[in-house]
Amino acid sequence: MRRFTALVLTWLSLAVSAYSQSALTIELKQNSRTEQQTKDQLKRLLRTYDIQQWIFTKSILIDDTAIPHSHPVLTLSTRHIKDDELLLSTFVHEQFHWWASGNNDATQKSIAELRGMFPKVPVGAPEGAVDENSTYLHLVVCYLEYRAMRELLGEFKSRQIMDFWATDHYTWIYRTVLEKPREISTVLFKYKLLPITQH
């Protein structure tokens, strides 16, 4: 009986994962070979990892020429075509921008509190985001990205990914997420910005 129950649960999990993947709309901007490869890569990752709880927009665009961004349509580049984990991390990151914008009041309260914790933040590449408010917003988004990757891949691998980002872009933001995870988590928990607290 236990074995049958386990098989049913496994089937249901796969069915839910397949449904959530099929519900996504993935468009290609240039319709290039690398965009198609990235689309196939993303679909495979969505079959492999259960990230349904962190999908907040289902319209995806893949564009060879773009820098990944969340709005107005979640857009991925083809940069990480040979690195599943970096593509997965990027996808989750952009999804969390939608979570933050959909919970704007809580996000703004969190940012106000983070300003008190970190009164001086960098602006501009490579350390910060485009402006001061965006740097604070990315403390929220990058922490959520780290937490999700930790749940998906474990502490060691997620730390490797965050260490890579900390030398690539938003370098101060990712370093701060790694150095002050408890402090940032406390703020986000207070304002119910951790998706896990919603269930």
Protein backbone atom coordinates (compact mmCIF):
# COMPACT_ATOMS: atom_id res chain seq x y z
CA MET A 1 0.00 0.00 0.00
CA ARG A 2 2.83 2.39 0.87
CA ARG A 3 4.49 1.70 -2.45
CA PHE A 4 1.24 2.38 -4.31
CA THR A 5 0.75 5.65 -2.40
CA ALA A 6 4.33 6.70 -3.19
CA LEU A 7 3.78 5.94 -6.89
CA VAL A 8 0.55 7.95 -6.95
CA LEU A 9 2.24 10.90 -5.24
CA THR A 10 5.15 10.73 -7.68
CA TRP A 11 2.76 10.66 -10.64
CA LEU A 12 0.79 13.60 -9.27
CA SER A 13 4.00 15.58 -8.74
CA LEU A 14 5.11 14.93 -12.32
CA ALA A 15 1.66 15.77 -13.65
CA VAL A 16 1.59 19.08 -11.75
CA SER A 17 5.10 19.91 -12.97
CA ALA A 18 4.16 19.10 -16.57
CA TYR A 19 0.99 21.20 -16.28
CA SER A 20 2.83 24.18 -14.83
CA GLN A 21 5.41 23.97 -17.62
CA SER A 22 2.76 23.71 -20.34
CA ALA A 23 1.03 26.76 -18.87
CA LEU A 24 4.12 28.86 -19.64
CA THR A 25 4.31 30.74 -22.92
CA ILE A 26 7.91 30.90 -24.15
CA GLU A 27 8.49 33.11 -27.19
CA LEU A 28 11.69 33.65 -29.19
CA LYS A 29 12.67 37.17 -30.28
CA GLN A 30 15.04 36.32 -33.16
CA ASN A 31 14.02 32.68 -33.59
CA SER A 32 17.72 31.79 -33.63
CA ARG A 33 19.30 28.43 -32.92
CA THR A 34 20.67 29.64 -29.56
CA GLU A 35 17.27 30.98 -28.53
CA GLN A 36 15.67 27.63 -29.37
CA GLN A 37 18.38 25.83 -27.42
CA THR A 38 17.79 28.09 -24.42
CA LYS A 39 14.04 27.46 -24.67
CA ASP A 40 14.65 23.70 -24.68
CA GLN A 41 17.08 24.11 -21.79
CA LEU A 42 14.55 26.09 -19.74
CA LYS A 43 11.77 23.58 -20.42
CA ARG A 44 14.06 20.77 -19.30
CA LEU A 45 14.93 22.65 -16.11
CA LEU A 46 11.24 23.20 -15.39
CA ARG A 47 10.69 19.46 -15.73
CA THR A 48 13.66 18.71 -13.46
CA TYR A 49 13.05 21.21 -10.65
CA ASP A 50 9.80 21.98 -8.91
CA ILE A 51 9.72 25.77 -8.97
CA GLN A 52 5.97 26.24 -9.36
CA GLN A 53 5.79 28.16 -6.07
CA TRP A 54 8.15 30.80 -7.51
CA ILE A 55 6.46 31.34 -10.86
CA PHE A 56 4.60 34.65 -10.80
CA THR A 57 4.44 35.41 -14.52
CA LYS A 58 3.97 32.82 -17.24
CA SER A 59 4.95 34.89 -20.28
CA ILE A 60 8.63 34.37 -21.14
CA LEU A 61 10.70 35.88 -23.95
CA ILE A 62 14.15 34.63 -24.95
CA ASP A 63 16.30 37.17 -26.76
CA ASP A 64 19.91 36.74 -27.93
CA THR A 65 20.53 40.48 -27.68
CA ALA A 66 18.86 41.24 -24.33
CA ILE A 67 20.13 41.66 -20.82
CA PRO A 68 17.76 39.60 -18.64
CA HIS A 69 14.95 41.67 -17.14
CA SER A 70 11.56 41.12 -15.62
CA HIS A 71 9.19 43.74 -17.03
CA PRO A 72 7.10 44.23 -19.06
CA VAL A 73 7.78 40.62 -20.13
CA LEU A 74 10.21 38.33 -18.33
CA THR A 75 13.12 38.19 -20.76
CA LEU A 76 16.08 35.81 -20.69
CA SER A 77 19.27 35.96 -22.71
CA THR A 78 21.12 33.01 -24.21
CA ARG A 79 24.26 33.71 -22.17
CA HIS A 80 23.94 30.64 -19.93
CA ILE A 81 23.22 28.10 -22.61
CA LYS A 82 25.98 25.86 -21.21
CA ASP A 83 25.22 26.38 -17.52
CA ASP A 84 21.88 25.06 -16.28
CA GLU A 85 22.30 26.40 -12.77
CA LEU A 86 23.02 29.98 -13.83
CA LEU A 87 20.03 29.98 -16.19
CA LEU A 88 17.80 28.58 -13.45
CA SER A 89 19.07 31.20 -11.00
CA THR A 90 18.46 33.99 -13.53
CA PHE A 91 14.94 32.75 -14.25
CA VAL A 92 14.08 32.60 -10.55
CA HIS A 93 15.61 36.06 -10.01
CA GLU A 94 13.39 37.64 -12.66
CA GLN A 95 10.34 35.82 -11.30
CA PHE A 96 10.99 37.36 -7.89
CA HIS A 97 10.82 40.82 -9.44
CA TRP A 98 7.21 39.99 -10.30
CA TRP A 99 6.63 38.77 -6.73
CA ALA A 100 8.05 42.03 -5.35
CA SER A 101 6.00 44.23 -7.68
CA GLY A 102 2.87 42.21 -6.92
CA ASN A 103 3.46 42.84 -3.21
CA ASN A 104 4.49 46.46 -3.58
CA ASP A 105 3.40 47.70 -0.15
CA ALA A 106 5.39 44.99 1.66
CA THR A 107 8.32 45.56 -0.70
CA GLN A 108 8.40 49.30 0.00
CA LYS A 109 8.24 48.70 3.77
CA SER A 110 11.09 46.23 3.48
CA ILE A 111 13.14 48.70 1.44
CA ALA A 112 12.55 51.41 4.06
CA GLU A 113 13.85 49.09 6.76
CA LEU A 114 16.82 48.00 4.65
CA ARG A 115 17.72 51.67 4.19
CA GLY A 116 18.13 51.89 7.94
CA MET A 117 20.33 48.78 8.00
CA PHE A 118 22.41 49.84 4.99
CA PRO A 119 22.32 53.66 4.88
CA LYS A 120 24.90 53.94 2.11
CA VAL A 121 24.65 51.67 -0.92
CA PRO A 122 26.43 51.68 -4.29
CA VAL A 123 24.69 52.86 -7.42
CA GLY A 124 25.66 51.70 -10.89
CA ALA A 125 27.54 48.72 -12.29
CA PRO A 126 29.15 46.55 -11.24
CA GLU A 127 28.43 46.91 -7.52
CA GLY A 128 24.91 48.32 -7.47
CA ALA A 129 21.80 48.65 -9.59
CA VAL A 130 20.72 51.50 -11.82
CA ASP A 131 19.71 53.78 -8.93
CA GLU A 132 19.60 53.72 -5.14
CA ASN A 133 16.04 52.42 -4.85
CA SER A 134 16.83 49.63 -7.31
CA THR A 135 19.86 48.62 -5.27
CA TYR A 136 17.64 48.21 -2.20
CA LEU A 137 15.03 46.36 -4.27
CA HIS A 138 17.74 43.99 -5.45
CA LEU A 139 18.68 43.20 -1.86
CA VAL A 140 15.15 41.79 -1.62
CA VAL A 141 15.17 40.01 -4.98
CA CYS A 142 18.70 38.60 -4.74
CA TYR A 143 18.07 37.29 -1.23
CA LEU A 144 14.92 35.51 -2.45
CA GLU A 145 16.91 34.13 -5.39
CA TYR A 146 19.55 32.79 -2.98
CA ARG A 147 16.94 31.22 -0.73
CA ALA A 148 15.21 29.52 -3.65
CA MET A 149 18.45 28.19 -5.08
CA ARG A 150 19.40 26.90 -1.65
CA GLU A 151 16.13 24.96 -1.49
CA LEU A 152 16.61 23.61 -5.01
CA LEU A 153 20.34 22.83 -5.05
CA GLY A 154 21.55 22.87 -1.45
CA GLU A 155 23.79 25.26 0.44
CA PHE A 156 27.11 24.43 -1.25
CA LYS A 157 25.94 24.78 -4.86
CA SER A 158 23.78 27.84 -4.19
CA ARG A 159 26.73 29.50 -2.48
CA GLN A 160 28.87 28.82 -5.56
CA ILE A 161 26.24 30.47 -7.76
CA MET A 162 25.98 33.52 -5.50
CA ASP A 163 29.78 33.77 -5.34
CA PHE A 164 29.84 33.82 -9.13
CA TRP A 165 27.23 36.58 -9.32
CA ALA A 166 29.20 38.52 -6.68
CA THR A 167 32.04 38.82 -9.21
CA ASP A 168 29.80 39.33 -12.25
CA HIS A 169 27.14 41.98 -11.56
CA TYR A 170 25.39 43.57 -8.56
CA THR A 171 28.58 42.58 -6.78
CA TRP A 172 27.96 44.52 -3.56
CA ILE A 173 24.36 43.30 -3.45
CA TYR A 174 25.25 39.63 -3.77
CA ARG A 175 28.12 39.95 -1.28
CA THR A 176 25.75 41.57 1.21
CA VAL A 177 23.17 38.82 0.71
CA LEU A 178 25.87 36.25 1.51
CA GLU A 179 27.24 38.21 4.47
CA LYS A 180 23.91 39.30 6.04
CA PRO A 181 21.34 36.63 5.15
CA ARG A 182 19.78 36.48 8.62
CA GLU A 183 19.31 40.24 8.85
CA ILE A 184 17.68 40.47 5.40
CA SER A 185 15.55 37.39 6.02
CA THR A 186 14.22 38.90 9.25
CA VAL A 187 13.01 41.99 7.39
CA LEU A 188 11.35 40.00 4.61
CA PHE A 189 9.72 37.63 7.06
CA LYS A 190 8.34 40.58 9.03
CA TYR A 191 6.53 41.89 5.95
CA LYS A 192 5.54 38.43 4.65
CA LEU A 193 7.73 38.72 1.58
CA LEU A 194 9.07 35.19 1.87
CA PRO A 195 6.76 33.17 -0.42
CA ILE A 196 6.98 30.18 1.91
CA THR A 197 5.19 32.21 4.61
CA GLN A 198 2.17 32.52 2.32
CA HIS A 199 1.31 28.80 2.43
